[in-house]
Structure formats: structure tokens, C-alpha cells
Amino acid sequence: MSNEHKRWNPQLEQYYKGVNKTPSYRPKMMLDITGRYVLESDYAALLYRIEELETKLEEAVESLEKLARLGNGDLYGNSDGNMIARATLAELKGKE
């Protein structure tokens, strides 16, 4: 994810990561990337959640890649488990 949309206070980032539960400023209204006004705190929470989900997706893809090759070295396998992993990878990567 690009860093250009991270326009929030570092204290707010710590708040949503659970480090600091008492932000020392009032929430502000701001324009999000779609041009709508949102609370700065809501925007920061959404960006943080997007980053979490992107990380989880990357980890899932790595695991599926390993499963798709399980028992075949560097090549994709053709067992039932390999094929399920390959089909899921294709769906996640947008390929058929």
C-alpha cells in the first residue's frame, strides 16, 4: 500500500495498534481518497485494517503456493490438495 494516503497523527496510529489508548487531540474531519468527508480516526482505522488484511492475504498466498507444490519440489502437483490450492491461488490472483 502506498504511503501517500497516511495523513493521520502518529498518536492515532499507536491508538489503533493498541499502544496508546488515549489520543491527545480531537478527531478532525478530512477528505478521504474518494473525496468524501470522514472522521480522521475512522480513516486511519480503515487504512490500518487494509494493511492488516493485505498482510494476511500475502501470507495466505505464500502458504497456498507451498501447498500447491507439496510433494513436487518446485513444480505444481496434481494431487487433490495441490489442485485445491492451485484453484484457490488462481482465484486470489485473478487467473483461470
PDB file of N, CA and C in Angstrom:
ATOM      1  N   MET A   1       0.847  -1.180   0.000  1.00  0.00           N
ATOM      2  CA  MET A   1       0.000   0.000   0.000  1.00  0.00           C
ATOM      3  C   MET A   1       0.883   1.230   0.000  1.00  0.00           C
ATOM      4  N   SER A   2       0.526   2.214  -0.801  1.00  0.00           N
ATOM      5  CA  SER A   2       1.345   3.417  -0.852  1.00  0.00           C
ATOM      6  C   SER A   2       1.167   4.232   0.423  1.00  0.00           C
ATOM      7  N   ASN A   3       2.189   4.972   0.777  1.00  0.00           N
ATOM      8  CA  ASN A   3       2.165   5.765   1.994  1.00  0.00           C
ATOM      9  C   ASN A   3       1.558   7.140   1.788  1.00  0.00           C
ATOM     10  N   GLU A   4       1.194   7.494   0.560  1.00  0.00           N
ATOM     11  CA  GLU A   4       0.717   8.844   0.300  1.00  0.00           C
ATOM     12  C   GLU A   4      -0.613   9.148   0.991  1.00  0.00           C
ATOM     13  N   HIS A   5      -1.384   8.129   1.350  1.00  0.00           N
ATOM     14  CA  HIS A   5      -2.678   8.370   1.976  1.00  0.00           C
ATOM     15  C   HIS A   5      -2.623   8.330   3.498  1.00  0.00           C
ATOM     16  N   LYS A   6      -1.462   8.156   4.059  1.00  0.00           N
ATOM     17  CA  LYS A   6      -1.337   8.101   5.514  1.00  0.00           C
ATOM     18  C   LYS A   6      -1.191   9.517   6.054  1.00  0.00           C
ATOM     19  N   ARG A   7      -2.343  10.164   6.290  1.00  0.00           N
ATOM     20  CA  ARG A   7      -2.322  11.555   6.718  1.00  0.00           C
ATOM     21  C   ARG A   7      -2.834  11.681   8.145  1.00  0.00           C
ATOM     22  N   TRP A   8      -2.507  10.766   9.019  1.00  0.00           N
ATOM     23  CA  TRP A   8      -3.014  10.870  10.374  1.00  0.00           C
ATOM     24  C   TRP A   8      -1.889  11.054  11.370  1.00  0.00           C
ATOM     25  N   ASN A   9      -2.266  11.455  12.531  1.00  0.00           N
ATOM     26  CA  ASN A   9      -1.355  11.705  13.634  1.00  0.00           C
ATOM     27  C   ASN A   9      -0.709  10.395  14.082  1.00  0.00           C
ATOM     28  N   PRO A  10       0.600  10.375  14.342  1.00  0.00           N
ATOM     29  CA  PRO A  10       1.246   9.145  14.821  1.00  0.00           C
ATOM     30  C   PRO A  10       0.621   8.616  16.112  1.00  0.00           C
ATOM     31  N   GLN A  11       0.103   9.517  16.941  1.00  0.00           N
ATOM     32  CA  GLN A  11      -0.568   9.065  18.169  1.00  0.00           C
ATOM     33  C   GLN A  11      -1.808   8.257  17.834  1.00  0.00           C
ATOM     34  N   LEU A  12      -2.508   8.639  16.772  1.00  0.00           N
ATOM     35  CA  LEU A  12      -3.693   7.901  16.360  1.00  0.00           C
ATOM     36  C   LEU A  12      -3.307   6.521  15.839  1.00  0.00           C
ATOM     37  N   GLU A  13      -2.218   6.445  15.105  1.00  0.00           N
ATOM     38  CA  GLU A  13      -1.742   5.152  14.629  1.00  0.00           C
ATOM     39  C   GLU A  13      -1.439   4.240  15.816  1.00  0.00           C
ATOM     40  N   GLN A  14      -0.768   4.777  16.825  1.00  0.00           N
ATOM     41  CA  GLN A  14      -0.479   3.989  18.026  1.00  0.00           C
ATOM     42  C   GLN A  14      -1.769   3.569  18.721  1.00  0.00           C
ATOM     43  N   TYR A  15      -2.753   4.451  18.713  1.00  0.00           N
ATOM     44  CA  TYR A  15      -4.040   4.142  19.332  1.00  0.00           C
ATOM     45  C   TYR A  15      -4.662   2.906  18.680  1.00  0.00           C
ATOM     46  N   TYR A  16      -4.687   2.876  17.344  1.00  0.00           N
ATOM     47  CA  TYR A  16      -5.305   1.751  16.658  1.00  0.00           C
ATOM     48  C   TYR A  16      -4.457   0.497  16.689  1.00  0.00           C
ATOM     49  N   LYS A  17      -3.176   0.630  16.932  1.00  0.00           N
ATOM     50  CA  LYS A  17      -2.334  -0.557  17.087  1.00  0.00           C
ATOM     51  C   LYS A  17      -2.355  -1.056  18.522  1.00  0.00           C
ATOM     52  N   GLY A  18      -3.042  -0.326  19.415  1.00  0.00           N
ATOM     53  CA  GLY A  18      -3.184  -0.757  20.799  1.00  0.00           C
ATOM     54  C   GLY A  18      -2.076  -0.292  21.711  1.00  0.00           C
ATOM     55  N   VAL A  19      -1.161   0.550  21.219  1.00  0.00           N
ATOM     56  CA  VAL A  19      -0.043   1.025  22.026  1.00  0.00           C
ATOM     57  C   VAL A  19      -0.494   2.150  22.956  1.00  0.00           C
ATOM     58  N   ASN A  20      -1.262   3.079  22.426  1.00  0.00           N
ATOM     59  CA  ASN A  20      -1.700   4.245  23.191  1.00  0.00           C
ATOM     60  C   ASN A  20      -3.213   4.361  23.038  1.00  0.00           C
ATOM     61  N   LYS A  21      -3.945   4.163  24.121  1.00  0.00           N
ATOM     62  CA  LYS A  21      -5.405   4.189  24.044  1.00  0.00           C
ATOM     63  C   LYS A  21      -6.001   5.551  24.392  1.00  0.00           C
ATOM     64  N   THR A  22      -5.186   6.588  24.484  1.00  0.00           N
ATOM     65  CA  THR A  22      -5.726   7.911  24.786  1.00  0.00           C
ATOM     66  C   THR A  22      -5.159   8.948  23.825  1.00  0.00           C
ATOM     67  N   PRO A  23      -5.789   9.121  22.670  1.00  0.00           N
ATOM     68  CA  PRO A  23      -5.283  10.129  21.747  1.00  0.00           C
ATOM     69  C   PRO A  23      -5.389  11.519  22.374  1.00  0.00           C
ATOM     70  N   SER A  24      -4.398  12.345  22.140  1.00  0.00           N
ATOM     71  CA  SER A  24      -4.340  13.639  22.818  1.00  0.00           C
ATOM     72  C   SER A  24      -4.835  14.781  21.933  1.00  0.00           C
ATOM     73  N   TYR A  25      -5.744  14.511  21.058  1.00  0.00           N
ATOM     74  CA  TYR A  25      -6.289  15.579  20.226  1.00  0.00           C
ATOM     75  C   TYR A  25      -7.712  15.211  19.859  1.00  0.00           C
ATOM     76  N   ARG A  26      -8.447  16.192  19.380  1.00  0.00           N
ATOM     77  CA  ARG A  26      -9.822  15.954  18.959  1.00  0.00           C
ATOM     78  C   ARG A  26      -9.849  15.373  17.547  1.00  0.00           C
ATOM     79  N   PRO A  27     -10.754  14.428  17.284  1.00  0.00           N
ATOM     80  CA  PRO A  27     -10.874  13.923  15.919  1.00  0.00           C
ATOM     81  C   PRO A  27     -11.245  15.055  14.961  1.00  0.00           C
ATOM     82  N   LYS A  28     -10.703  15.003  13.763  1.00  0.00           N
ATOM     83  CA  LYS A  28     -10.949  16.030  12.755  1.00  0.00           C
ATOM     84  C   LYS A  28     -11.639  15.416  11.550  1.00  0.00           C
ATOM     85  N   MET A  29     -12.335  16.269  10.813  1.00  0.00           N
ATOM     86  CA  MET A  29     -12.915  15.830   9.550  1.00  0.00           C
ATOM     87  C   MET A  29     -11.851  16.009   8.470  1.00  0.00           C
ATOM     88  N   MET A  30     -11.837  15.112   7.513  1.00  0.00           N
ATOM     89  CA  MET A  30     -10.872  15.207   6.420  1.00  0.00           C
ATOM     90  C   MET A  30     -11.464  14.574   5.179  1.00  0.00           C
ATOM     91  N   LEU A  31     -10.894  14.860   4.050  1.00  0.00           N
ATOM     92  CA  LEU A  31     -11.298  14.220   2.805  1.00  0.00           C
ATOM     93  C   LEU A  31     -10.559  12.898   2.673  1.00  0.00           C
ATOM     94  N   ASP A  32     -11.298  11.835   2.360  1.00  0.00           N
ATOM     95  CA  ASP A  32     -10.617  10.563   2.109  1.00  0.00           C
ATOM     96  C   ASP A  32     -10.218  10.505   0.633  1.00  0.00           C
ATOM     97  N   ILE A  33      -9.670   9.383   0.214  1.00  0.00           N
ATOM     98  CA  ILE A  33      -9.161   9.289  -1.162  1.00  0.00           C
ATOM     99  C   ILE A  33     -10.276   9.295  -2.196  1.00  0.00           C
ATOM    100  N   THR A  34     -11.520   9.080  -1.768  1.00  0.00           N
ATOM    101  CA  THR A  34     -12.643   9.121  -2.709  1.00  0.00           C
ATOM    102  C   THR A  34     -13.288  10.502  -2.761  1.00  0.00           C
ATOM    103  N   GLY A  35     -12.799  11.446  -1.944  1.00  0.00           N
ATOM    104  CA  GLY A  35     -13.343  12.796  -1.945  1.00  0.00           C
ATOM    105  C   GLY A  35     -14.473  13.019  -0.965  1.00  0.00           C
ATOM    106  N   ARG A  36     -14.758  12.030  -0.113  1.00  0.00           N
ATOM    107  CA  ARG A  36     -15.816  12.174   0.890  1.00  0.00           C
ATOM    108  C   ARG A  36     -15.211  12.623   2.212  1.00  0.00           C
ATOM    109  N   TYR A  37     -16.001  13.356   2.994  1.00  0.00           N
ATOM    110  CA  TYR A  37     -15.544  13.759   4.324  1.00  0.00           C
ATOM    111  C   TYR A  37     -15.771  12.626   5.304  1.00  0.00           C
ATOM    112  N   VAL A  38     -14.734  12.326   6.067  1.00  0.00           N
ATOM    113  CA  VAL A  38     -14.811  11.287   7.098  1.00  0.00           C
ATOM    114  C   VAL A  38     -14.042  11.778   8.321  1.00  0.00           C
ATOM    115  N   LEU A  39     -14.308  11.160   9.447  1.00  0.00           N
ATOM    116  CA  LEU A  39     -13.505  11.457  10.626  1.00  0.00           C
ATOM    117  C   LEU A  39     -12.100  10.930  10.407  1.00  0.00           C
ATOM    118  N   GLU A  40     -11.130  11.694  10.797  1.00  0.00           N
ATOM    119  CA  GLU A  40      -9.735  11.282  10.637  1.00  0.00           C
ATOM    120  C   GLU A  40      -9.493   9.938  11.318  1.00  0.00           C
ATOM    121  N   SER A  41     -10.100   9.741  12.480  1.00  0.00           N
ATOM    122  CA  SER A  41      -9.895   8.484  13.212  1.00  0.00           C
ATOM    123  C   SER A  41     -10.473   7.294  12.452  1.00  0.00           C
ATOM    124  N   ASP A  42     -11.633   7.473  11.793  1.00  0.00           N
ATOM    125  CA  ASP A  42     -12.224   6.390  11.007  1.00  0.00           C
ATOM    126  C   ASP A  42     -11.340   6.055   9.811  1.00  0.00           C
ATOM    127  N   TYR A  43     -10.813   7.083   9.172  1.00  0.00           N
ATOM    128  CA  TYR A  43      -9.944   6.903   8.013  1.00  0.00           C
ATOM    129  C   TYR A  43      -8.677   6.147   8.404  1.00  0.00           C
ATOM    130  N   ALA A  44      -8.095   6.539   9.518  1.00  0.00           N
ATOM    131  CA  ALA A  44      -6.882   5.871   9.988  1.00  0.00           C
ATOM    132  C   ALA A  44      -7.168   4.410  10.322  1.00  0.00           C
ATOM    133  N   ALA A  45      -8.292   4.165  10.958  1.00  0.00           N
ATOM    134  CA  ALA A  45      -8.651   2.789  11.309  1.00  0.00           C
ATOM    135  C   ALA A  45      -8.833   1.946  10.056  1.00  0.00           C
ATOM    136  N   LEU A  46      -9.468   2.510   9.035  1.00  0.00           N
ATOM    137  CA  LEU A  46      -9.667   1.768   7.796  1.00  0.00           C
ATOM    138  C   LEU A  46      -8.346   1.475   7.098  1.00  0.00           C
ATOM    139  N   LEU A  47      -7.455   2.459   7.041  1.00  0.00           N
ATOM    140  CA  LEU A  47      -6.151   2.233   6.411  1.00  0.00           C
ATOM    141  C   LEU A  47      -5.359   1.168   7.155  1.00  0.00           C
ATOM    142  N   TYR A  48      -5.398   1.221   8.476  1.00  0.00           N
ATOM    143  CA  TYR A  48      -4.681   0.227   9.272  1.00  0.00           C
ATOM    144  C   TYR A  48      -5.265  -1.165   9.019  1.00  0.00           C
ATOM    145  N   ARG A  49      -6.591  -1.263   8.952  1.00  0.00           N
ATOM    146  CA  ARG A  49      -7.244  -2.547   8.718  1.00  0.00           C
ATOM    147  C   ARG A  49      -6.902  -3.080   7.320  1.00  0.00           C
ATOM    148  N   ILE A  50      -6.855  -2.194   6.336  1.00  0.00           N
ATOM    149  CA  ILE A  50      -6.483  -2.595   4.977  1.00  0.00           C
ATOM    150  C   ILE A  50      -5.079  -3.176   4.976  1.00  0.00           C
ATOM    151  N   GLU A  51      -4.155  -2.530   5.683  1.00  0.00           N
ATOM    152  CA  GLU A  51      -2.776  -3.038   5.754  1.00  0.00           C
ATOM    153  C   GLU A  51      -2.742  -4.410   6.412  1.00  0.00           C
ATOM    154  N   GLU A  52      -3.526  -4.591   7.484  1.00  0.00           N
ATOM    155  CA  GLU A  52      -3.581  -5.901   8.149  1.00  0.00           C
ATOM    156  C   GLU A  52      -4.075  -6.977   7.183  1.00  0.00           C
ATOM    157  N   LEU A  53      -5.148  -6.674   6.457  1.00  0.00           N
ATOM    158  CA  LEU A  53      -5.716  -7.652   5.535  1.00  0.00           C
ATOM    159  C   LEU A  53      -4.793  -7.943   4.365  1.00  0.00           C
ATOM    160  N   GLU A  54      -4.080  -6.938   3.870  1.00  0.00           N
ATOM    161  CA  GLU A  54      -3.112  -7.171   2.799  1.00  0.00           C
ATOM    162  C   GLU A  54      -2.000  -8.101   3.269  1.00  0.00           C
ATOM    163  N   THR A  55      -1.546  -7.922   4.501  1.00  0.00           N
ATOM    164  CA  THR A  55      -0.510  -8.792   5.068  1.00  0.00           C
ATOM    165  C   THR A  55      -1.016 -10.221   5.190  1.00  0.00           C
ATOM    166  N   LYS A  56      -2.247 -10.370   5.681  1.00  0.00           N
ATOM    167  CA  LYS A  56      -2.821 -11.715   5.819  1.00  0.00           C
ATOM    168  C   LYS A  56      -2.991 -12.381   4.462  1.00  0.00           C
ATOM    169  N   LEU A  57      -3.389 -11.608   3.451  1.00  0.00           N
ATOM    170  CA  LEU A  57      -3.548 -12.162   2.113  1.00  0.00           C
ATOM    171  C   LEU A  57      -2.212 -12.636   1.558  1.00  0.00           C
ATOM    172  N   GLU A  58      -1.166 -11.837   1.750  1.00  0.00           N
ATOM    173  CA  GLU A  58       0.168 -12.240   1.292  1.00  0.00           C
ATOM    174  C   GLU A  58       0.608 -13.534   1.967  1.00  0.00           C
ATOM    175  N   GLU A  59       0.345 -13.658   3.272  1.00  0.00           N
ATOM    176  CA  GLU A  59       0.710 -14.881   3.994  1.00  0.00           C
ATOM    177  C   GLU A  59      -0.089 -16.076   3.486  1.00  0.00           C
ATOM    178  N   ALA A  60      -1.366 -15.862   3.198  1.00  0.00           N
ATOM    179  CA  ALA A  60      -2.210 -16.947   2.684  1.00  0.00           C
ATOM    180  C   ALA A  60      -1.724 -17.406   1.314  1.00  0.00           C
ATOM    181  N   VAL A  61      -1.361 -16.465   0.458  1.00  0.00           N
ATOM    182  CA  VAL A  61      -0.864 -16.816  -0.878  1.00  0.00           C
ATOM    183  C   VAL A  61       0.434 -17.608  -0.765  1.00  0.00           C
ATOM    184  N   GLU A  62       1.336 -17.186   0.124  1.00  0.00           N
ATOM    185  CA  GLU A  62       2.585 -17.935   0.328  1.00  0.00           C
ATOM    186  C   GLU A  62       2.298 -19.362   0.771  1.00  0.00           C
ATOM    187  N   SER A  63       1.366 -19.534   1.697  1.00  0.00           N
ATOM    188  CA  SER A  63       1.022 -20.872   2.182  1.00  0.00           C
ATOM    189  C   SER A  63       0.393 -21.716   1.086  1.00  0.00           C
ATOM    190  N   LEU A  64      -0.480 -21.106   0.300  1.00  0.00           N
ATOM    191  CA  LEU A  64      -1.100 -21.842  -0.801  1.00  0.00           C
ATOM    192  C   LEU A  64      -0.081 -22.239  -1.860  1.00  0.00           C
ATOM    193  N   GLU A  65       0.894 -21.371  -2.113  1.00  0.00           N
ATOM    194  CA  GLU A  65       1.967 -21.710  -3.065  1.00  0.00           C
ATOM    195  C   GLU A  65       2.722 -22.953  -2.579  1.00  0.00           C
ATOM    196  N   LYS A  66       3.025 -23.002  -1.291  1.00  0.00           N
ATOM    197  CA  LYS A  66       3.725 -24.171  -0.734  1.00  0.00           C
ATOM    198  C   LYS A  66       2.861 -25.418  -0.853  1.00  0.00           C
ATOM    199  N   LEU A  67       1.578 -25.269  -0.543  1.00  0.00           N
ATOM    200  CA  LEU A  67       0.665 -26.406  -0.612  1.00  0.00           C
ATOM    201  C   LEU A  67       0.476 -26.886  -2.052  1.00  0.00           C
ATOM    202  N   ALA A  68       0.426 -25.971  -2.993  1.00  0.00           N
ATOM    203  CA  ALA A  68       0.252 -26.343  -4.404  1.00  0.00           C
ATOM    204  C   ALA A  68       1.455 -27.123  -4.924  1.00  0.00           C
ATOM    205  N   ARG A  69       2.621 -26.933  -4.303  1.00  0.00           N
ATOM    206  CA  ARG A  69       3.848 -27.615  -4.737  1.00  0.00           C
ATOM    207  C   ARG A  69       4.222 -28.800  -3.829  1.00  0.00           C
ATOM    208  N   LEU A  70       3.470 -29.013  -2.794  1.00  0.00           N
ATOM    209  CA  LEU A  70       3.788 -30.052  -1.814  1.00  0.00           C
ATOM    210  C   LEU A  70       3.956 -31.414  -2.494  1.00  0.00           C
ATOM    211  N   GLY A  71       5.119 -32.004  -2.294  1.00  0.00           N
ATOM    212  CA  GLY A  71       5.402 -33.313  -2.862  1.00  0.00           C
ATOM    213  C   GLY A  71       5.971 -33.275  -4.268  1.00  0.00           C
ATOM    214  N   ASN A  72       6.159 -32.083  -4.833  1.00  0.00           N
ATOM    215  CA  ASN A  72       6.644 -31.982  -6.214  1.00  0.00           C
ATOM    216  C   ASN A  72       7.826 -31.045  -6.360  1.00  0.00           C
ATOM    217  N   GLY A  73       8.492 -30.716  -5.292  1.00  0.00           N
ATOM    218  CA  GLY A  73       9.641 -29.815  -5.384  1.00  0.00           C
ATOM    219  C   GLY A  73       9.214 -28.417  -5.784  1.00  0.00           C
ATOM    220  N   ASP A  74       9.749 -27.918  -6.906  1.00  0.00           N
ATOM    221  CA  ASP A  74       9.434 -26.563  -7.367  1.00  0.00           C
ATOM    222  C   ASP A  74       8.251 -26.511  -8.329  1.00  0.00           C
ATOM    223  N   LEU A  75       7.727 -27.661  -8.714  1.00  0.00           N
ATOM    224  CA  LEU A  75       6.631 -27.711  -9.678  1.00  0.00           C
ATOM    225  C   LEU A  75       5.292 -27.891  -8.963  1.00  0.00           C
ATOM    226  N   TYR A  76       4.231 -27.397  -9.616  1.00  0.00           N
ATOM    227  CA  TYR A  76       2.895 -27.627  -9.065  1.00  0.00           C
ATOM    228  C   TYR A  76       2.559 -29.102  -9.164  1.00  0.00           C
ATOM    229  N   GLY A  77       1.869 -29.600  -8.141  1.00  0.00           N
ATOM    230  CA  GLY A  77       1.465 -31.001  -8.133  1.00  0.00           C
ATOM    231  C   GLY A  77       0.075 -31.187  -8.692  1.00  0.00           C
ATOM    232  N   ASN A  78      -0.362 -32.447  -8.758  1.00  0.00           N
ATOM    233  CA  ASN A  78      -1.689 -32.724  -9.292  1.00  0.00           C
ATOM    234  C   ASN A  78      -2.533 -33.573  -8.346  1.00  0.00           C
ATOM    235  N   SER A  79      -2.144 -33.661  -7.070  1.00  0.00           N
ATOM    236  CA  SER A  79      -2.979 -34.372  -6.102  1.00  0.00           C
ATOM    237  C   SER A  79      -4.206 -33.515  -5.798  1.00  0.00           C
ATOM    238  N   ASP A  80      -5.165 -34.084  -5.100  1.00  0.00           N
ATOM    239  CA  ASP A  80      -6.371 -33.323  -4.763  1.00  0.00           C
ATOM    240  C   ASP A  80      -6.027 -32.051  -3.993  1.00  0.00           C
ATOM    241  N   GLY A  81      -5.140 -32.169  -3.005  1.00  0.00           N
ATOM    242  CA  GLY A  81      -4.747 -30.999  -2.208  1.00  0.00           C
ATOM    243  C   GLY A  81      -4.025 -29.952  -3.047  1.00  0.00           C
ATOM    244  N   ASN A  82      -3.129 -30.419  -3.931  1.00  0.00           N
ATOM    245  CA  ASN A  82      -2.428 -29.491  -4.827  1.00  0.00           C
ATOM    246  C   ASN A  82      -3.423 -28.745  -5.712  1.00  0.00           C
ATOM    247  N   MET A  83      -4.388 -29.465  -6.243  1.00  0.00           N
ATOM    248  CA  MET A  83      -5.351 -28.859  -7.168  1.00  0.00           C
ATOM    249  C   MET A  83      -6.261 -27.859  -6.453  1.00  0.00           C
ATOM    250  N   ILE A  84      -6.647 -28.167  -5.225  1.00  0.00           N
ATOM    251  CA  ILE A  84      -7.460 -27.220  -4.453  1.00  0.00           C
ATOM    252  C   ILE A  84      -6.662 -25.940  -4.213  1.00  0.00           C
ATOM    253  N   ALA A  85      -5.408 -26.097  -3.823  1.00  0.00           N
ATOM    254  CA  ALA A  85      -4.554 -24.927  -3.581  1.00  0.00           C
ATOM    255  C   ALA A  85      -4.344 -24.138  -4.866  1.00  0.00           C
ATOM    256  N   ARG A  86      -4.126 -24.827  -5.974  1.00  0.00           N
ATOM    257  CA  ARG A  86      -3.924 -24.145  -7.262  1.00  0.00           C
ATOM    258  C   ARG A  86      -5.167 -23.375  -7.689  1.00  0.00           C
ATOM    259  N   ALA A  87      -6.341 -23.973  -7.491  1.00  0.00           N
ATOM    260  CA  ALA A  87      -7.595 -23.292  -7.863  1.00  0.00           C
ATOM    261  C   ALA A  87      -7.816 -22.045  -6.999  1.00  0.00           C
ATOM    262  N   THR A  88      -7.507 -22.162  -5.717  1.00  0.00           N
ATOM    263  CA  THR A  88      -7.664 -21.018  -4.817  1.00  0.00           C
ATOM    264  C   THR A  88      -6.667 -19.928  -5.163  1.00  0.00           C
ATOM    265  N   LEU A  89      -5.434 -20.299  -5.479  1.00  0.00           N
ATOM    266  CA  LEU A  89      -4.431 -19.324  -5.918  1.00  0.00           C
ATOM    267  C   LEU A  89      -4.875 -18.596  -7.173  1.00  0.00           C
ATOM    268  N   ALA A  90      -5.404 -19.352  -8.118  1.00  0.00           N
ATOM    269  CA  ALA A  90      -5.865 -18.740  -9.360  1.00  0.00           C
ATOM    270  C   ALA A  90      -6.963 -17.726  -9.091  1.00  0.00           C
ATOM    271  N   GLU A  91      -7.863 -18.059  -8.187  1.00  0.00           N
ATOM    272  CA  GLU A  91      -8.952 -17.136  -7.841  1.00  0.00           C
ATOM    273  C   GLU A  91      -8.410 -15.882  -7.153  1.00  0.00           C
ATOM    274  N   LEU A  92      -7.472 -16.073  -6.216  1.00  0.00           N
ATOM    275  CA  LEU A  92      -6.915 -14.931  -5.500  1.00  0.00           C
ATOM    276  C   LEU A  92      -6.072 -14.029  -6.406  1.00  0.00           C
ATOM    277  N   LYS A  93      -5.387 -14.629  -7.350  1.00  0.00           N
ATOM    278  CA  LYS A  93      -4.530 -13.853  -8.254  1.00  0.00           C
ATOM    279  C   LYS A  93      -5.285 -13.375  -9.489  1.00  0.00           C
ATOM    280  N   GLY A  94      -6.552 -13.778  -9.643  1.00  0.00           N
ATOM    281  CA  GLY A  94      -7.344 -13.319 -10.776  1.00  0.00           C
ATOM    282  C   GLY A  94      -7.050 -14.038 -12.069  1.00  0.00           C
ATOM    283  N   LYS A  95      -6.584 -15.274 -11.963  1.00  0.00           N
ATOM    284  CA  LYS A  95      -6.276 -16.069 -13.163  1.00  0.00           C
ATOM    285  C   LYS A  95      -7.208 -17.266 -13.207  1.00  0.00           C
ATOM    286  N   GLU A  96      -7.342 -17.829 -14.375  1.00  0.00           N
ATOM    287  CA  GLU A  96      -8.160 -19.045 -14.515  1.00  0.00           C
ATOM    288  C   GLU A  96      -7.294 -20.235 -14.779  1.00  0.00           C
TER     289      GLU A  96
END
